[in-house]
C-alpha atoms as a PDB file:
ATOM      1  CA  MET A   1       0.123   0.018   0.017  1.00  0.00           C
ATOM      2  CA  SER A   2       1.195   3.516  -0.682  1.00  0.00           C
ATOM      3  CA  LEU A   3       0.457   7.237  -0.598  1.00  0.00           C
ATOM      4  CA  GLU A   4       0.407   9.294  -3.404  1.00  0.00           C
ATOM      5  CA  VAL A   5       1.981  12.702  -2.613  1.00  0.00           C
ATOM      6  CA  PRO A   6       3.470  15.708  -4.534  1.00  0.00           C
ATOM      7  CA  CYS A   7       7.142  16.157  -4.341  1.00  0.00           C
ATOM      8  CA  LEU A   8       9.679  18.848  -4.967  1.00  0.00           C
ATOM      9  CA  SER A   9      13.621  18.468  -5.298  1.00  0.00           C
ATOM     10  CA  PHE A  10      15.832  20.583  -3.013  1.00  0.00           C
ATOM     11  CA  ARG A  11      19.342  20.967  -3.191  1.00  0.00           C
ATOM     12  CA  GLN A  12      21.653  20.334  -0.204  1.00  0.00           C
ATOM     13  CA  PRO A  13      21.875  21.937   2.257  1.00  0.00           C
ATOM     14  CA  TYR A  14      18.325  23.095   1.997  1.00  0.00           C
ATOM     15  CA  ALA A  15      16.687  19.637   1.636  1.00  0.00           C
ATOM     16  CA  THR A  16      18.526  19.156   5.451  1.00  0.00           C
ATOM     17  CA  LEU A  17      17.406  22.700   6.709  1.00  0.00           C
ATOM     18  CA  VAL A  18      13.861  22.170   5.519  1.00  0.00           C
ATOM     19  CA  LEU A  19      13.819  18.674   7.037  1.00  0.00           C
ATOM     20  CA  ASN A  20      15.359  19.749  10.395  1.00  0.00           C
ATOM     21  CA  ASN A  21      12.915  22.740  10.683  1.00  0.00           C
ATOM     22  CA  VAL A  22      15.665  25.326  10.345  1.00  0.00           C
ATOM     23  CA  LYS A  23      14.346  26.463   6.623  1.00  0.00           C
ATOM     24  CA  THR A  24      10.698  27.329   7.344  1.00  0.00           C
ATOM     25  CA  ILE A  25      10.149  29.573   4.130  1.00  0.00           C
ATOM     26  CA  GLU A  26      10.918  28.157   0.583  1.00  0.00           C
ATOM     27  CA  SER A  27      11.835  31.004  -2.015  1.00  0.00           C
ATOM     28  CA  ARG A  28      11.005  30.403  -5.841  1.00  0.00           C
ATOM     29  CA  TRP A  29      10.824  33.043  -8.547  1.00  0.00           C
ATOM     30  CA  ARG A  30       7.534  31.679  -9.453  1.00  0.00           C
ATOM     31  CA  PRO A  31       4.600  30.805  -7.325  1.00  0.00           C
ATOM     32  CA  LEU A  32       5.423  26.973  -7.752  1.00  0.00           C
ATOM     33  CA  LEU A  33       3.523  25.808  -4.307  1.00  0.00           C
ATOM     34  CA  SER A  34       0.814  28.467  -4.304  1.00  0.00           C
ATOM     35  CA  GLU A  35      -1.762  25.934  -5.158  1.00  0.00           C
ATOM     36  CA  MET A  36      -0.402  23.385  -2.701  1.00  0.00           C
ATOM     37  CA  GLN A  37      -1.298  25.369   0.575  1.00  0.00           C
ATOM     38  CA  ASN A  38      -2.776  23.194   3.423  1.00  0.00           C
ATOM     39  CA  SER A  39      -1.177  20.143   1.716  1.00  0.00           C
ATOM     40  CA  THR A  40       1.572  17.835   2.205  1.00  0.00           C
ATOM     41  CA  LEU A  41       4.717  17.786   0.167  1.00  0.00           C
ATOM     42  CA  ALA A  42       7.271  15.114  -0.314  1.00  0.00           C
ATOM     43  CA  VAL A  43      11.076  16.280  -0.090  1.00  0.00           C
ATOM     44  CA  HIS A  44      13.485  15.174  -2.579  1.00  0.00           C
ATOM     45  CA  ILE A  45      16.995  15.393  -1.918  1.00  0.00           C
ATOM     46  CA  ALA A  46      18.840  16.278  -5.462  1.00  0.00           C
ATOM     47  CA  TRP A  47      22.267  15.208  -6.248  1.00  0.00           C
ATOM     48  CA  LYS A  48      23.575  18.756  -6.490  1.00  0.00           C
ATOM     49  CA  SER A  49      24.481  21.183  -4.015  1.00  0.00           C
ATOM     50  CA  TRP A  50      23.494  24.753  -3.810  1.00  0.00           C
ATOM     51  CA  ASP A  51      26.031  27.081  -5.225  1.00  0.00           C
ATOM     52  CA  GLY A  52      25.945  29.791  -2.740  1.00  0.00           C
ATOM     53  CA  GLU A  53      27.036  30.115   0.679  1.00  0.00           C
ATOM     54  CA  ALA A  54      24.404  32.769   2.004  1.00  0.00           C
ATOM     55  CA  TRP A  55      22.908  29.999   4.198  1.00  0.00           C
ATOM     56  CA  ARG A  56      26.122  29.444   6.121  1.00  0.00           C
ATOM     57  CA  LEU A  57      26.306  33.020   7.148  1.00  0.00           C
ATOM     58  CA  ILE A  58      22.583  32.934   8.324  1.00  0.00           C
ATOM     59  CA  LEU A  59      23.243  29.856  10.263  1.00  0.00           C
ATOM     60  CA  THR A  60      26.226  31.133  12.004  1.00  0.00           C
ATOM     61  CA  GLU A  61      25.733  34.852  12.399  1.00  0.00           C
ATOM     62  CA  ARG A  62      21.905  35.005  12.804  1.00  0.00           C
ATOM     63  CA  LEU A  63      21.041  31.774  14.342  1.00  0.00           C
ATOM     64  CA  GLY A  64      24.139  31.444  16.548  1.00  0.00           C
ATOM     65  CA  LEU A  65      25.232  28.061  15.560  1.00  0.00           C
ATOM     66  CA  THR A  66      28.883  27.227  15.953  1.00  0.00           C
ATOM     67  CA  THR A  67      31.042  25.453  13.141  1.00  0.00           C
ATOM     68  CA  LYS A  68      30.728  22.200  14.732  1.00  0.00           C
ATOM     69  CA  GLN A  69      26.948  22.627  15.269  1.00  0.00           C
ATOM     70  CA  THR A  70      26.617  23.522  11.479  1.00  0.00           C
ATOM     71  CA  GLU A  71      28.896  20.623  10.215  1.00  0.00           C
ATOM     72  CA  GLU A  72      26.608  18.306  12.640  1.00  0.00           C
ATOM     73  CA  LEU A  73      23.439  19.649  11.252  1.00  0.00           C
ATOM     74  CA  LEU A  74      24.685  19.208   7.382  1.00  0.00           C
ATOM     75  CA  GLU A  75      26.192  15.496   8.286  1.00  0.00           C
ATOM     76  CA  SER A  76      22.416  14.459   9.928  1.00  0.00           C
ATOM     77  CA  GLY A  77      21.091  15.498   6.433  1.00  0.00           C
ATOM     78  CA  GLU A  78      23.349  13.113   4.633  1.00  0.00           C
ATOM     79  CA  ARG A  79      22.145  10.168   6.361  1.00  0.00           C
ATOM     80  CA  PHE A  80      20.016   8.929   3.481  1.00  0.00           C
ATOM     81  CA  GLY A  81      22.357  10.054   0.577  1.00  0.00           C
ATOM     82  CA  ARG A  82      21.357  11.986  -2.574  1.00  0.00           C
ATOM     83  CA  GLY A  83      18.898  11.372  -5.197  1.00  0.00           C
ATOM     84  CA  VAL A  84      16.436  10.051  -2.736  1.00  0.00           C
ATOM     85  CA  ILE A  85      12.799  11.090  -1.122  1.00  0.00           C
ATOM     86  CA  ALA A  86      13.866  11.795   2.420  1.00  0.00           C
ATOM     87  CA  GLY A  87      10.705  13.427   4.189  1.00  0.00           C
ATOM     88  CA  LEU A  88       7.579  15.275   4.290  1.00  0.00           C
ATOM     89  CA  VAL A  89       6.600  18.955   5.069  1.00  0.00           C
ATOM     90  CA  ASP A  90       3.315  20.801   5.091  1.00  0.00           C
ATOM     91  CA  VAL A  91       2.851  23.522   2.749  1.00  0.00           C
ATOM     92  CA  GLY A  92       1.472  27.116   3.970  1.00  0.00           C
ATOM     93  CA  GLU A  93       0.477  30.025   2.175  1.00  0.00           C
ATOM     94  CA  THR A  94       2.444  31.608  -0.609  1.00  0.00           C
ATOM     95  CA  TRP A  95       2.986  35.272  -1.468  1.00  0.00           C
ATOM     96  CA  CYS A  96       5.402  37.753  -3.508  1.00  0.00           C
ATOM     97  CA  CYS A  97       8.045  39.429  -1.218  1.00  0.00           C
ATOM     98  CA  PRO A  98       7.626  42.991  -2.079  1.00  0.00           C
ATOM     99  CA  ASP A  99      10.700  45.243  -2.940  1.00  0.00           C
ATOM    100  CA  ASN A 100      10.016  47.560   0.111  1.00  0.00           C
ATOM    101  CA  VAL A 101       9.752  45.319   3.150  1.00  0.00           C
ATOM    102  CA  PRO A 102      11.526  46.951   6.281  1.00  0.00           C
ATOM    103  CA  CYS A 103      15.024  46.044   7.011  1.00  0.00           C
ATOM    104  CA  GLU A 104      14.033  44.015  10.374  1.00  0.00           C
ATOM    105  CA  GLU A 105      11.240  42.086   8.824  1.00  0.00           C
ATOM    106  CA  MET A 106      13.411  41.388   5.744  1.00  0.00           C
ATOM    107  CA  LYS A 107      16.025  39.975   8.370  1.00  0.00           C
ATOM    108  CA  LYS A 108      13.570  37.650   9.633  1.00  0.00           C
ATOM    109  CA  LEU A 109      12.287  36.532   6.300  1.00  0.00           C
ATOM    110  CA  GLU A 110      15.791  35.803   5.412  1.00  0.00           C
ATOM    111  CA  THR A 111      16.874  33.931   8.446  1.00  0.00           C
ATOM    112  CA  ALA A 112      13.446  31.646   7.976  1.00  0.00           C
ATOM    113  CA  ALA A 113      14.427  31.068   4.228  1.00  0.00           C
ATOM    114  CA  CYS A 114      18.147  30.704   4.952  1.00  0.00           C
ATOM    115  CA  LEU A 115      18.873  33.043   1.956  1.00  0.00           C
ATOM    116  CA  THR A 116      19.250  36.560   1.061  1.00  0.00           C
ATOM    117  CA  GLU A 117      17.785  38.636  -1.526  1.00  0.00           C
ATOM    118  CA  LEU A 118      13.983  37.902  -1.191  1.00  0.00           C
ATOM    119  CA  ASN A 119      12.723  40.702  -2.857  1.00  0.00           C
ATOM    120  CA  LEU A 120      10.176  39.875  -5.621  1.00  0.00           C
ATOM    121  CA  LYS A 121      10.305  35.934  -4.884  1.00  0.00           C
ATOM    122  CA  TYR A 122       7.585  33.986  -4.012  1.00  0.00           C
ATOM    123  CA  LEU A 123       7.779  32.806  -0.425  1.00  0.00           C
ATOM    124  CA  THR A 124       5.809  29.792   1.095  1.00  0.00           C
ATOM    125  CA  ARG A 125       5.735  29.003   4.564  1.00  0.00           C
ATOM    126  CA  LEU A 126       6.581  25.282   5.464  1.00  0.00           C
ATOM    127  CA  SER A 127       6.037  23.326   8.682  1.00  0.00           C
ATOM    128  CA  ASN A 128       6.008  20.020  10.328  1.00  0.00           C
ATOM    129  CA  PRO A 129       8.863  18.566   8.601  1.00  0.00           C
ATOM    130  CA  ARG A 130       9.393  14.833   9.408  1.00  0.00           C
ATOM    131  CA  TRP A 131      11.881  12.509   8.000  1.00  0.00           C
ATOM    132  CA  LEU A 132      10.829   9.177   6.422  1.00  0.00           C
ATOM    133  CA  ASN A 133      11.563   6.027   8.337  1.00  0.00           C
ATOM    134  CA  GLU A 134      13.988   4.965   4.995  1.00  0.00           C
ATOM    135  CA  PRO A 135      14.934   6.781   2.023  1.00  0.00           C
ATOM    136  CA  MET A 136      12.852   6.227  -1.249  1.00  0.00           C
ATOM    137  CA  TYR A 137      15.273   6.309  -4.493  1.00  0.00           C
ATOM    138  CA  ALA A 138      13.926   8.552  -7.171  1.00  0.00           C
ATOM    139  CA  ARG A 139      15.102  10.496  -9.983  1.00  0.00           C
ATOM    140  CA  GLY A 140      14.514  14.134  -9.255  1.00  0.00           C
ATOM    141  CA  HIS A 141      12.368  16.672 -11.749  1.00  0.00           C
ATOM    142  CA  LYS A 142      12.487  20.267 -12.300  1.00  0.00           C
ATOM    143  CA  ASP A 143       9.057  21.267 -10.796  1.00  0.00           C
ATOM    144  CA  VAL A 144       6.465  19.519  -8.813  1.00  0.00           C
ATOM    145  CA  TRP A 145       5.834  15.733  -9.463  1.00  0.00           C
ATOM    146  CA  THR A 146       3.838  12.916  -7.780  1.00  0.00           C
ATOM    147  CA  VAL A 147       5.340   9.956  -6.053  1.00  0.00           C
ATOM    148  CA  ASN A 148       3.751   7.117  -4.373  1.00  0.00           C
ATOM    149  CA  ILE A 149       5.590   6.353  -0.965  1.00  0.00           C
ATOM    150  CA  PRO A 150       4.983   2.981   0.661  1.00  0.00           C
ATOM    151  CA  ILE A 151       2.960   3.254   3.987  1.00  0.00           C
ATOM    152  CA  ARG A 152       5.994   1.521   5.778  1.00  0.00           C
ATOM    153  CA  LEU A 153       8.349   4.451   4.863  1.00  0.00           C
ATOM    154  CA  LEU A 154       5.861   7.033   6.512  1.00  0.00           C
ATOM    155  CA  PRO A 155       7.127   8.470   9.949  1.00  0.00           C
ATOM    156  CA  SER A 156       4.145   7.251  11.903  1.00  0.00           C
ATOM    157  CA  ALA A 157       0.693   5.538  11.553  1.00  0.00           C
ATOM    158  CA  SER A 158      -0.763   8.945  12.235  1.00  0.00           C
ATOM    159  CA  SER A 159       0.945  10.491   9.212  1.00  0.00           C
ATOM    160  CA  VAL A 160      -1.411   8.413   7.154  1.00  0.00           C
ATOM    161  CA  SER A 161      -4.370   9.505   8.297  1.00  0.00           C
ATOM    162  CA  GLU A 162      -3.236  13.067   8.459  1.00  0.00           C
ATOM    163  CA  LEU A 163      -2.398  12.963   4.864  1.00  0.00           C
ATOM    164  CA  LYS A 164      -5.461  11.361   3.710  1.00  0.00           C
ATOM    165  CA  GLY A 165      -7.490  14.390   5.329  1.00  0.00           C
ATOM    166  CA  ARG A 166      -5.347  16.983   3.203  1.00  0.00           C
END
């Protein structure tokens, strides 16, 4: 038995940050997740890593993680490897970030997104991340696609009824 769930590929370290509840806002140049509000999304870990390092400064300077804590967090996210569906996250509201957001509010948004320069990007709230019991190998796709996750891989039996209700 399996559960059909939409899926999105995230590059590392962002997949790790999402599934460890550090990254609670996803940013895209288009409203990719806007129609998924109040639903659950599978998190696929892409083979490639993110090119920039802004996330590292946010972890250390804004969230106060030490270098050791940052490395431990990153290592925990590699436990399933890459090219796998590793977890689930709930999708909230999507909005376009205006270019006139006050500085302090922008810092909060950037910290939640683990990324800077969010002006005019579409931001989506993410919540309730959970790792699967085991990885599910899958080829990534550019946009959202659908996957069938075996029930035995879901984090708990409550997840099944919770997902069916969405």
